[in-house]
Amino acid sequence: MRQKIEHIKERLEHDPKFQEAVKKIRPEWSFWGIMSIGLFFFLPELITAIWQPELIAWAHLHAITEPVDIVRKMYAMLEEIFRDGVSWVNIGLGVLFLWWGFSTRR
């Protein structure tokens, strides 16, 4: 199994199509690249940290007053998401993308 993984790793390291795909998904180290990572990964967590009680109350109000059952369930799930608080996985992914963009900058 270990030899098979090593073989796949070596094949991917020398595959030009794979290297091109990695370059395409790599975040750009520009104003817009940094801003997009910040807006997608950090801003939602900042909003949750600041307005968590208000967001929970808003989702709860809609969960109990919405007439359509599927939408009521959606608001209940949204309430649970806000109750869980800040997503450290999301923040960690944002930090990793920033680190990846910074470390590959030329």
PDB file of N, CA and C in Angstrom:
ATOM      1  N   MET A   1       0.827  -1.189   0.000  1.00  0.00           N
ATOM      2  CA  MET A   1       0.000   0.000   0.000  1.00  0.00           C
ATOM      3  C   MET A   1       0.872   1.252   0.000  1.00  0.00           C
ATOM      4  N   ARG A   2       1.907   1.233   0.812  1.00  0.00           N
ATOM      5  CA  ARG A   2       2.799   2.392   0.899  1.00  0.00           C
ATOM      6  C   ARG A   2       3.505   2.628  -0.443  1.00  0.00           C
ATOM      7  N   GLN A   3       3.888   1.542  -1.114  1.00  0.00           N
ATOM      8  CA  GLN A   3       4.553   1.673  -2.405  1.00  0.00           C
ATOM      9  C   GLN A   3       3.594   2.239  -3.451  1.00  0.00           C
ATOM     10  N   LYS A   4       2.346   1.844  -3.367  1.00  0.00           N
ATOM     11  CA  LYS A   4       1.346   2.335  -4.304  1.00  0.00           C
ATOM     12  C   LYS A   4       1.142   3.847  -4.119  1.00  0.00           C
ATOM     13  N   ILE A   5       1.091   4.295  -2.874  1.00  0.00           N
ATOM     14  CA  ILE A   5       0.932   5.723  -2.584  1.00  0.00           C
ATOM     15  C   ILE A   5       2.152   6.494  -3.071  1.00  0.00           C
ATOM     16  N   GLU A   6       3.344   5.963  -2.850  1.00  0.00           N
ATOM     17  CA  GLU A   6       4.571   6.609  -3.330  1.00  0.00           C
ATOM     18  C   GLU A   6       4.582   6.711  -4.851  1.00  0.00           C
ATOM     19  N   HIS A   7       4.122   5.656  -5.513  1.00  0.00           N
ATOM     20  CA  HIS A   7       4.074   5.651  -6.979  1.00  0.00           C
ATOM     21  C   HIS A   7       3.104   6.728  -7.481  1.00  0.00           C
ATOM     22  N   ILE A   8       1.940   6.835  -6.867  1.00  0.00           N
ATOM     23  CA  ILE A   8       0.954   7.849  -7.256  1.00  0.00           C
ATOM     24  C   ILE A   8       1.509   9.239  -6.997  1.00  0.00           C
ATOM     25  N   LYS A   9       2.189   9.414  -5.862  1.00  0.00           N
ATOM     26  CA  LYS A   9       2.769  10.713  -5.523  1.00  0.00           C
ATOM     27  C   LYS A   9       3.817  11.129  -6.553  1.00  0.00           C
ATOM     28  N   GLU A  10       4.693  10.205  -6.929  1.00  0.00           N
ATOM     29  CA  GLU A  10       5.718  10.509  -7.925  1.00  0.00           C
ATOM     30  C   GLU A  10       5.098  10.840  -9.276  1.00  0.00           C
ATOM     31  N   ARG A  11       4.051  10.100  -9.636  1.00  0.00           N
ATOM     32  CA  ARG A  11       3.385  10.352 -10.911  1.00  0.00           C
ATOM     33  C   ARG A  11       2.728  11.736 -10.923  1.00  0.00           C
ATOM     34  N   LEU A  12       2.108  12.126  -9.814  1.00  0.00           N
ATOM     35  CA  LEU A  12       1.467  13.437  -9.739  1.00  0.00           C
ATOM     36  C   LEU A  12       2.481  14.574  -9.727  1.00  0.00           C
ATOM     37  N   GLU A  13       3.624  14.374  -9.097  1.00  0.00           N
ATOM     38  CA  GLU A  13       4.654  15.419  -9.049  1.00  0.00           C
ATOM     39  C   GLU A  13       5.192  15.750 -10.435  1.00  0.00           C
ATOM     40  N   HIS A  14       5.175  14.788 -11.335  1.00  0.00           N
ATOM     41  CA  HIS A  14       5.735  14.998 -12.671  1.00  0.00           C
ATOM     42  C   HIS A  14       4.667  15.148 -13.743  1.00  0.00           C
ATOM     43  N   ASP A  15       3.410  15.180 -13.372  1.00  0.00           N
ATOM     44  CA  ASP A  15       2.317  15.314 -14.329  1.00  0.00           C
ATOM     45  C   ASP A  15       2.065  16.793 -14.626  1.00  0.00           C
ATOM     46  N   PRO A  16       2.282  17.248 -15.866  1.00  0.00           N
ATOM     47  CA  PRO A  16       2.105  18.677 -16.163  1.00  0.00           C
ATOM     48  C   PRO A  16       0.655  19.142 -16.039  1.00  0.00           C
ATOM     49  N   LYS A  17      -0.304  18.282 -16.344  1.00  0.00           N
ATOM     50  CA  LYS A  17      -1.717  18.667 -16.213  1.00  0.00           C
ATOM     51  C   LYS A  17      -2.077  18.906 -14.745  1.00  0.00           C
ATOM     52  N   PHE A  18      -1.572  18.046 -13.866  1.00  0.00           N
ATOM     53  CA  PHE A  18      -1.837  18.209 -12.435  1.00  0.00           C
ATOM     54  C   PHE A  18      -1.191  19.486 -11.906  1.00  0.00           C
ATOM     55  N   GLN A  19       0.034  19.755 -12.325  1.00  0.00           N
ATOM     56  CA  GLN A  19       0.730  20.969 -11.889  1.00  0.00           C
ATOM     57  C   GLN A  19      -0.009  22.220 -12.368  1.00  0.00           C
ATOM     58  N   GLU A  20      -0.543  22.181 -13.594  1.00  0.00           N
ATOM     59  CA  GLU A  20      -1.310  23.312 -14.114  1.00  0.00           C
ATOM     60  C   GLU A  20      -2.603  23.508 -13.316  1.00  0.00           C
ATOM     61  N   ALA A  21      -3.250  22.403 -12.946  1.00  0.00           N
ATOM     62  CA  ALA A  21      -4.479  22.497 -12.150  1.00  0.00           C
ATOM     63  C   ALA A  21      -4.197  23.091 -10.776  1.00  0.00           C
ATOM     64  N   VAL A  22      -3.071  22.722 -10.176  1.00  0.00           N
ATOM     65  CA  VAL A  22      -2.701  23.279  -8.875  1.00  0.00           C
ATOM     66  C   VAL A  22      -2.439  24.781  -8.997  1.00  0.00           C
ATOM     67  N   LYS A  23      -1.791  25.189 -10.069  1.00  0.00           N
ATOM     68  CA  LYS A  23      -1.537  26.621 -10.271  1.00  0.00           C
ATOM     69  C   LYS A  23      -2.830  27.409 -10.455  1.00  0.00           C
ATOM     70  N   LYS A  24      -3.820  26.799 -11.099  1.00  0.00           N
ATOM     71  CA  LYS A  24      -5.082  27.492 -11.329  1.00  0.00           C
ATOM     72  C   LYS A  24      -5.873  27.697 -10.040  1.00  0.00           C
ATOM     73  N   ILE A  25      -5.819  26.734  -9.112  1.00  0.00           N
ATOM     74  CA  ILE A  25      -6.600  26.884  -7.881  1.00  0.00           C
ATOM     75  C   ILE A  25      -5.846  27.626  -6.789  1.00  0.00           C
ATOM     76  N   ARG A  26      -4.561  27.843  -6.968  1.00  0.00           N
ATOM     77  CA  ARG A  26      -3.764  28.565  -5.974  1.00  0.00           C
ATOM     78  C   ARG A  26      -4.275  30.001  -5.856  1.00  0.00           C
ATOM     79  N   PRO A  27      -4.492  30.489  -4.634  1.00  0.00           N
ATOM     80  CA  PRO A  27      -4.973  31.863  -4.485  1.00  0.00           C
ATOM     81  C   PRO A  27      -3.905  32.869  -4.923  1.00  0.00           C
ATOM     82  N   GLU A  28      -4.370  33.903  -5.614  1.00  0.00           N
ATOM     83  CA  GLU A  28      -3.449  34.936  -6.065  1.00  0.00           C
ATOM     84  C   GLU A  28      -3.035  35.820  -4.893  1.00  0.00           C
ATOM     85  N   TRP A  29      -1.787  36.246  -4.913  1.00  0.00           N
ATOM     86  CA  TRP A  29      -1.315  37.155  -3.871  1.00  0.00           C
ATOM     87  C   TRP A  29      -1.466  38.577  -4.398  1.00  0.00           C
ATOM     88  N   SER A  30      -2.704  39.010  -4.455  1.00  0.00           N
ATOM     89  CA  SER A  30      -3.028  40.360  -4.887  1.00  0.00           C
ATOM     90  C   SER A  30      -4.091  40.895  -3.928  1.00  0.00           C
ATOM     91  N   PHE A  31      -4.457  42.123  -4.134  1.00  0.00           N
ATOM     92  CA  PHE A  31      -5.494  42.711  -3.282  1.00  0.00           C
ATOM     93  C   PHE A  31      -6.768  41.891  -3.356  1.00  0.00           C
ATOM     94  N   TRP A  32      -7.186  41.517  -4.575  1.00  0.00           N
ATOM     95  CA  TRP A  32      -8.446  40.790  -4.737  1.00  0.00           C
ATOM     96  C   TRP A  32      -8.341  39.357  -4.227  1.00  0.00           C
ATOM     97  N   GLY A  33      -7.188  38.747  -4.337  1.00  0.00           N
ATOM     98  CA  GLY A  33      -7.013  37.396  -3.808  1.00  0.00           C
ATOM     99  C   GLY A  33      -7.124  37.374  -2.296  1.00  0.00           C
ATOM    100  N   ILE A  34      -6.449  38.318  -1.652  1.00  0.00           N
ATOM    101  CA  ILE A  34      -6.508  38.402  -0.188  1.00  0.00           C
ATOM    102  C   ILE A  34      -7.910  38.793   0.259  1.00  0.00           C
ATOM    103  N   MET A  35      -8.523  39.741  -0.465  1.00  0.00           N
ATOM    104  CA  MET A  35      -9.867  40.196  -0.106  1.00  0.00           C
ATOM    105  C   MET A  35     -10.894  39.069  -0.248  1.00  0.00           C
ATOM    106  N   SER A  36     -10.769  38.260  -1.289  1.00  0.00           N
ATOM    107  CA  SER A  36     -11.735  37.173  -1.465  1.00  0.00           C
ATOM    108  C   SER A  36     -11.605  36.130  -0.362  1.00  0.00           C
ATOM    109  N   ILE A  37     -10.388  35.823   0.051  1.00  0.00           N
ATOM    110  CA  ILE A  37     -10.209  34.883   1.170  1.00  0.00           C
ATOM    111  C   ILE A  37     -10.794  35.475   2.442  1.00  0.00           C
ATOM    112  N   GLY A  38     -10.538  36.754   2.667  1.00  0.00           N
ATOM    113  CA  GLY A  38     -11.082  37.412   3.860  1.00  0.00           C
ATOM    114  C   GLY A  38     -12.599  37.448   3.860  1.00  0.00           C
ATOM    115  N   LEU A  39     -13.191  37.784   2.715  1.00  0.00           N
ATOM    116  CA  LEU A  39     -14.648  37.865   2.646  1.00  0.00           C
ATOM    117  C   LEU A  39     -15.313  36.495   2.763  1.00  0.00           C
ATOM    118  N   PHE A  40     -14.706  35.481   2.191  1.00  0.00           N
ATOM    119  CA  PHE A  40     -15.323  34.158   2.200  1.00  0.00           C
ATOM    120  C   PHE A  40     -15.098  33.395   3.498  1.00  0.00           C
ATOM    121  N   PHE A  41     -13.917  33.516   4.096  1.00  0.00           N
ATOM    122  CA  PHE A  41     -13.592  32.711   5.270  1.00  0.00           C
ATOM    123  C   PHE A  41     -13.696  33.470   6.590  1.00  0.00           C
ATOM    124  N   PHE A  42     -13.292  34.732   6.621  1.00  0.00           N
ATOM    125  CA  PHE A  42     -13.213  35.437   7.901  1.00  0.00           C
ATOM    126  C   PHE A  42     -14.419  36.310   8.211  1.00  0.00           C
ATOM    127  N   LEU A  43     -14.993  36.978   7.223  1.00  0.00           N
ATOM    128  CA  LEU A  43     -16.116  37.878   7.477  1.00  0.00           C
ATOM    129  C   LEU A  43     -17.341  37.171   8.068  1.00  0.00           C
ATOM    130  N   PRO A  44     -17.763  36.000   7.556  1.00  0.00           N
ATOM    131  CA  PRO A  44     -18.911  35.326   8.189  1.00  0.00           C
ATOM    132  C   PRO A  44     -18.662  34.962   9.651  1.00  0.00           C
ATOM    133  N   GLU A  45     -17.442  34.588   9.953  1.00  0.00           N
ATOM    134  CA  GLU A  45     -17.130  34.229  11.336  1.00  0.00           C
ATOM    135  C   GLU A  45     -17.097  35.461  12.228  1.00  0.00           C
ATOM    136  N   LEU A  46     -16.633  36.571  11.700  1.00  0.00           N
ATOM    137  CA  LEU A  46     -16.634  37.815  12.453  1.00  0.00           C
ATOM    138  C   LEU A  46     -18.069  38.273  12.731  1.00  0.00           C
ATOM    139  N   ILE A  47     -18.921  38.181  11.729  1.00  0.00           N
ATOM    140  CA  ILE A  47     -20.332  38.542  11.911  1.00  0.00           C
ATOM    141  C   ILE A  47     -20.977  37.639  12.948  1.00  0.00           C
ATOM    142  N   THR A  48     -20.703  36.354  12.892  1.00  0.00           N
ATOM    143  CA  THR A  48     -21.253  35.424  13.878  1.00  0.00           C
ATOM    144  C   THR A  48     -20.758  35.747  15.276  1.00  0.00           C
ATOM    145  N   ALA A  49     -19.479  36.070  15.409  1.00  0.00           N
ATOM    146  CA  ALA A  49     -18.927  36.376  16.730  1.00  0.00           C
ATOM    147  C   ALA A  49     -19.538  37.649  17.311  1.00  0.00           C
ATOM    148  N   ILE A  50     -19.804  38.638  16.471  1.00  0.00           N
ATOM    149  CA  ILE A  50     -20.318  39.917  16.966  1.00  0.00           C
ATOM    150  C   ILE A  50     -21.814  39.850  17.247  1.00  0.00           C
ATOM    151  N   TRP A  51     -22.594  39.313  16.307  1.00  0.00           N
ATOM    152  CA  TRP A  51     -24.056  39.362  16.415  1.00  0.00           C
ATOM    153  C   TRP A  51     -24.691  37.998  16.652  1.00  0.00           C
ATOM    154  N   GLN A  52     -24.005  37.089  17.306  1.00  0.00           N
ATOM    155  CA  GLN A  52     -24.544  35.744  17.505  1.00  0.00           C
ATOM    156  C   GLN A  52     -25.895  35.733  18.215  1.00  0.00           C
ATOM    157  N   PRO A  53     -26.090  36.425  19.337  1.00  0.00           N
ATOM    158  CA  PRO A  53     -27.409  36.373  19.992  1.00  0.00           C
ATOM    159  C   PRO A  53     -28.540  36.908  19.108  1.00  0.00           C
ATOM    160  N   GLU A  54     -28.297  37.989  18.383  1.00  0.00           N
ATOM    161  CA  GLU A  54     -29.321  38.543  17.496  1.00  0.00           C
ATOM    162  C   GLU A  54     -29.641  37.594  16.348  1.00  0.00           C
ATOM    163  N   LEU A  55     -28.620  36.950  15.799  1.00  0.00           N
ATOM    164  CA  LEU A  55     -28.850  36.010  14.706  1.00  0.00           C
ATOM    165  C   LEU A  55     -29.631  34.787  15.173  1.00  0.00           C
ATOM    166  N   ILE A  56     -29.336  34.306  16.369  1.00  0.00           N
ATOM    167  CA  ILE A  56     -30.073  33.166  16.914  1.00  0.00           C
ATOM    168  C   ILE A  56     -31.531  33.545  17.140  1.00  0.00           C
ATOM    169  N   ALA A  57     -31.766  34.724  17.708  1.00  0.00           N
ATOM    170  CA  ALA A  57     -33.141  35.167  17.959  1.00  0.00           C
ATOM    171  C   ALA A  57     -33.898  35.353  16.648  1.00  0.00           C
ATOM    172  N   TRP A  58     -33.251  35.916  15.639  1.00  0.00           N
ATOM    173  CA  TRP A  58     -33.890  36.114  14.341  1.00  0.00           C
ATOM    174  C   TRP A  58     -34.270  34.775  13.712  1.00  0.00           C
ATOM    175  N   ALA A  59     -33.338  33.823  13.713  1.00  0.00           N
ATOM    176  CA  ALA A  59     -33.612  32.509  13.124  1.00  0.00           C
ATOM    177  C   ALA A  59     -34.696  31.780  13.910  1.00  0.00           C
ATOM    178  N   HIS A  60     -34.694  31.908  15.232  1.00  0.00           N
ATOM    179  CA  HIS A  60     -35.711  31.257  16.058  1.00  0.00           C
ATOM    180  C   HIS A  60     -37.099  31.843  15.778  1.00  0.00           C
ATOM    181  N   LEU A  61     -37.180  33.158  15.674  1.00  0.00           N
ATOM    182  CA  LEU A  61     -38.458  33.811  15.380  1.00  0.00           C
ATOM    183  C   LEU A  61     -39.031  33.314  14.058  1.00  0.00           C
ATOM    184  N   HIS A  62     -38.192  33.238  13.038  1.00  0.00           N
ATOM    185  CA  HIS A  62     -38.673  32.753  11.747  1.00  0.00           C
ATOM    186  C   HIS A  62     -38.966  31.256  11.773  1.00  0.00           C
ATOM    187  N   ALA A  63     -38.254  30.509  12.586  1.00  0.00           N
ATOM    188  CA  ALA A  63     -38.494  29.066  12.671  1.00  0.00           C
ATOM    189  C   ALA A  63     -39.853  28.751  13.291  1.00  0.00           C
ATOM    190  N   ILE A  64     -40.324  29.614  14.180  1.00  0.00           N
ATOM    191  CA  ILE A  64     -41.620  29.331  14.812  1.00  0.00           C
ATOM    192  C   ILE A  64     -42.787  30.033  14.127  1.00  0.00           C
ATOM    193  N   THR A  65     -42.527  31.025  13.270  1.00  0.00           N
ATOM    194  CA  THR A  65     -43.623  31.761  12.634  1.00  0.00           C
ATOM    195  C   THR A  65     -43.779  31.469  11.148  1.00  0.00           C
ATOM    196  N   GLU A  66     -42.860  30.779  10.543  1.00  0.00           N
ATOM    197  CA  GLU A  66     -42.936  30.510   9.103  1.00  0.00           C
ATOM    198  C   GLU A  66     -44.031  29.484   8.813  1.00  0.00           C
ATOM    199  N   PRO A  67     -44.932  29.775   7.867  1.00  0.00           N
ATOM    200  CA  PRO A  67     -46.033  28.845   7.591  1.00  0.00           C
ATOM    201  C   PRO A  67     -45.611  27.620   6.769  1.00  0.00           C
ATOM    202  N   VAL A  68     -44.581  27.742   5.962  1.00  0.00           N
ATOM    203  CA  VAL A  68     -44.159  26.625   5.109  1.00  0.00           C
ATOM    204  C   VAL A  68     -43.197  25.735   5.901  1.00  0.00           C
ATOM    205  N   ASP A  69     -43.484  24.443   5.912  1.00  0.00           N
ATOM    206  CA  ASP A  69     -42.726  23.508   6.752  1.00  0.00           C
ATOM    207  C   ASP A  69     -41.252  23.423   6.361  1.00  0.00           C
ATOM    208  N   ILE A  70     -40.953  23.340   5.077  1.00  0.00           N
ATOM    209  CA  ILE A  70     -39.560  23.193   4.655  1.00  0.00           C
ATOM    210  C   ILE A  70     -38.739  24.429   5.003  1.00  0.00           C
ATOM    211  N   VAL A  71     -39.346  25.608   4.893  1.00  0.00           N
ATOM    212  CA  VAL A  71     -38.636  26.839   5.244  1.00  0.00           C
ATOM    213  C   VAL A  71     -38.464  26.923   6.755  1.00  0.00           C
ATOM    214  N   ARG A  72     -39.449  26.446   7.502  1.00  0.00           N
ATOM    215  CA  ARG A  72     -39.344  26.420   8.964  1.00  0.00           C
ATOM    216  C   ARG A  72     -38.185  25.529   9.399  1.00  0.00           C
ATOM    217  N   LYS A  73     -38.023  24.396   8.731  1.00  0.00           N
ATOM    218  CA  LYS A  73     -36.896  23.502   9.042  1.00  0.00           C
ATOM    219  C   LYS A  73     -35.557  24.161   8.682  1.00  0.00           C
ATOM    220  N   MET A  74     -35.554  24.915   7.573  1.00  0.00           N
ATOM    221  CA  MET A  74     -34.328  25.607   7.182  1.00  0.00           C
ATOM    222  C   MET A  74     -33.919  26.626   8.249  1.00  0.00           C
ATOM    223  N   TYR A  75     -34.890  27.388   8.769  1.00  0.00           N
ATOM    224  CA  TYR A  75     -34.575  28.353   9.812  1.00  0.00           C
ATOM    225  C   TYR A  75     -34.145  27.660  11.106  1.00  0.00           C
ATOM    226  N   ALA A  76     -34.712  26.506  11.394  1.00  0.00           N
ATOM    227  CA  ALA A  76     -34.288  25.752  12.579  1.00  0.00           C
ATOM    228  C   ALA A  76     -32.838  25.289  12.429  1.00  0.00           C
ATOM    229  N   MET A  77     -32.477  24.837  11.230  1.00  0.00           N
ATOM    230  CA  MET A  77     -31.087  24.435  10.997  1.00  0.00           C
ATOM    231  C   MET A  77     -30.151  25.637  11.064  1.00  0.00           C
ATOM    232  N   LEU A  78     -30.611  26.762  10.538  1.00  0.00           N
ATOM    233  CA  LEU A  78     -29.818  27.986  10.612  1.00  0.00           C
ATOM    234  C   LEU A  78     -29.601  28.411  12.063  1.00  0.00           C
ATOM    235  N   GLU A  79     -30.628  28.248  12.870  1.00  0.00           N
ATOM    236  CA  GLU A  79     -30.507  28.560  14.295  1.00  0.00           C
ATOM    237  C   GLU A  79     -29.454  27.679  14.958  1.00  0.00           C
ATOM    238  N   GLU A  80     -29.445  26.405  14.616  1.00  0.00           N
ATOM    239  CA  GLU A  80     -28.430  25.494  15.171  1.00  0.00           C
ATOM    240  C   GLU A  80     -27.016  25.883  14.727  1.00  0.00           C
ATOM    241  N   ILE A  81     -26.890  26.297  13.475  1.00  0.00           N
ATOM    242  CA  ILE A  81     -25.573  26.722  12.980  1.00  0.00           C
ATOM    243  C   ILE A  81     -25.074  27.920  13.765  1.00  0.00           C
ATOM    244  N   PHE A  82     -25.960  28.907  14.000  1.00  0.00           N
ATOM    245  CA  PHE A  82     -25.553  30.092  14.749  1.00  0.00           C
ATOM    246  C   PHE A  82     -25.293  29.756  16.216  1.00  0.00           C
ATOM    247  N   ARG A  83     -26.008  28.783  16.764  1.00  0.00           N
ATOM    248  CA  ARG A  83     -25.777  28.385  18.159  1.00  0.00           C
ATOM    249  C   ARG A  83     -24.397  27.773  18.346  1.00  0.00           C
ATOM    250  N   ASP A  84     -23.932  27.078  17.323  1.00  0.00           N
ATOM    251  CA  ASP A  84     -22.614  26.441  17.419  1.00  0.00           C
ATOM    252  C   ASP A  84     -21.485  27.453  17.483  1.00  0.00           C
ATOM    253  N   GLY A  85     -21.744  28.673  17.062  1.00  0.00           N
ATOM    254  CA  GLY A  85     -20.738  29.728  17.176  1.00  0.00           C
ATOM    255  C   GLY A  85     -19.785  29.765  16.007  1.00  0.00           C
ATOM    256  N   VAL A  86     -18.625  30.297  16.266  1.00  0.00           N
ATOM    257  CA  VAL A  86     -17.610  30.504  15.229  1.00  0.00           C
ATOM    258  C   VAL A  86     -17.065  29.160  14.765  1.00  0.00           C
ATOM    259  N   SER A  87     -16.901  29.025  13.455  1.00  0.00           N
ATOM    260  CA  SER A  87     -16.351  27.806  12.883  1.00  0.00           C
ATOM    261  C   SER A  87     -14.831  27.918  12.818  1.00  0.00           C
ATOM    262  N   TRP A  88     -14.170  27.181  13.673  1.00  0.00           N
ATOM    263  CA  TRP A  88     -12.706  27.224  13.679  1.00  0.00           C
ATOM    264  C   TRP A  88     -12.129  26.522  12.463  1.00  0.00           C
ATOM    265  N   VAL A  89     -12.895  25.610  11.890  1.00  0.00           N
ATOM    266  CA  VAL A  89     -12.448  24.959  10.657  1.00  0.00           C
ATOM    267  C   VAL A  89     -12.394  25.982   9.529  1.00  0.00           C
ATOM    268  N   ASN A  90     -13.422  26.833   9.437  1.00  0.00           N
ATOM    269  CA  ASN A  90     -13.450  27.871   8.412  1.00  0.00           C
ATOM    270  C   ASN A  90     -12.295  28.855   8.589  1.00  0.00           C
ATOM    271  N   ILE A  91     -12.047  29.255   9.803  1.00  0.00           N
ATOM    272  CA  ILE A  91     -10.928  30.160  10.071  1.00  0.00           C
ATOM    273  C   ILE A  91      -9.601  29.477   9.750  1.00  0.00           C
ATOM    274  N   GLY A  92      -9.481  28.212  10.121  1.00  0.00           N
ATOM    275  CA  GLY A  92      -8.260  27.467   9.815  1.00  0.00           C
ATOM    276  C   GLY A  92      -8.022  27.341   8.320  1.00  0.00           C
ATOM    277  N   LEU A  93      -9.090  27.078   7.549  1.00  0.00           N
ATOM    278  CA  LEU A  93      -8.948  27.006   6.094  1.00  0.00           C
ATOM    279  C   LEU A  93      -8.523  28.355   5.520  1.00  0.00           C
ATOM    280  N   GLY A  94      -9.093  29.438   6.044  1.00  0.00           N
ATOM    281  CA  GLY A  94      -8.694  30.771   5.585  1.00  0.00           C
ATOM    282  C   GLY A  94      -7.230  31.043   5.851  1.00  0.00           C
ATOM    283  N   VAL A  95      -6.764  30.679   7.035  1.00  0.00           N
ATOM    284  CA  VAL A  95      -5.350  30.873   7.375  1.00  0.00           C
ATOM    285  C   VAL A  95      -4.466  30.018   6.473  1.00  0.00           C
ATOM    286  N   LEU A  96      -4.885  28.769   6.212  1.00  0.00           N
ATOM    287  CA  LEU A  96      -4.098  27.910   5.326  1.00  0.00           C
ATOM    288  C   LEU A  96      -4.031  28.470   3.910  1.00  0.00           C
ATOM    289  N   PHE A  97      -5.149  28.997   3.391  1.00  0.00           N
ATOM    290  CA  PHE A  97      -5.121  29.590   2.058  1.00  0.00           C
ATOM    291  C   PHE A  97      -4.236  30.830   2.016  1.00  0.00           C
ATOM    292  N   LEU A  98      -4.290  31.644   3.061  1.00  0.00           N
ATOM    293  CA  LEU A  98      -3.407  32.810   3.103  1.00  0.00           C
ATOM    294  C   LEU A  98      -1.943  32.389   3.153  1.00  0.00           C
ATOM    295  N   TRP A  99      -1.658  31.373   3.956  1.00  0.00           N
ATOM    296  CA  TRP A  99      -0.287  30.874   4.059  1.00  0.00           C
ATOM    297  C   TRP A  99       0.171  30.287   2.725  1.00  0.00           C
ATOM    298  N   TRP A 100      -0.721  29.542   2.064  1.00  0.00           N
ATOM    299  CA  TRP A 100      -0.391  28.946   0.771  1.00  0.00           C
ATOM    300  C   TRP A 100      -0.125  30.024  -0.267  1.00  0.00           C
ATOM    301  N   GLY A 101      -0.966  31.038  -0.303  1.00  0.00           N
ATOM    302  CA  GLY A 101      -0.754  32.139  -1.247  1.00  0.00           C
ATOM    303  C   GLY A 101       0.524  32.896  -0.971  1.00  0.00           C
ATOM    304  N   PHE A 102       0.820  33.110   0.313  1.00  0.00           N
ATOM    305  CA  PHE A 102       2.034  33.839   0.674  1.00  0.00           C
ATOM    306  C   PHE A 102       3.282  33.020   0.400  1.00  0.00           C
ATOM    307  N   SER A 103       3.240  31.724   0.685  1.00  0.00           N
ATOM    308  CA  SER A 103       4.443  30.901   0.545  1.00  0.00           C
ATOM    309  C   SER A 103       4.793  30.626  -0.917  1.00  0.00           C
ATOM    310  N   THR A 104       3.823  30.714  -1.822  1.00  0.00           N
ATOM    311  CA  THR A 104       4.104  30.440  -3.222  1.00  0.00           C
ATOM    312  C   THR A 104       4.260  31.711  -4.037  1.00  0.00           C
ATOM    313  N   ARG A 105       4.277  32.829  -3.400  1.00  0.00           N
ATOM    314  CA  ARG A 105       4.409  34.114  -4.090  1.00  0.00           C
ATOM    315  C   ARG A 105       5.813  34.247  -4.656  1.00  0.00           C
ATOM    316  N   ARG A 106       5.906  34.792  -5.855  1.00  0.00           N
ATOM    317  CA  ARG A 106       7.232  34.941  -6.482  1.00  0.00           C
ATOM    318  C   ARG A 106       7.433  36.317  -6.980  1.00  0.00           C
TER     319      ARG A 106
END
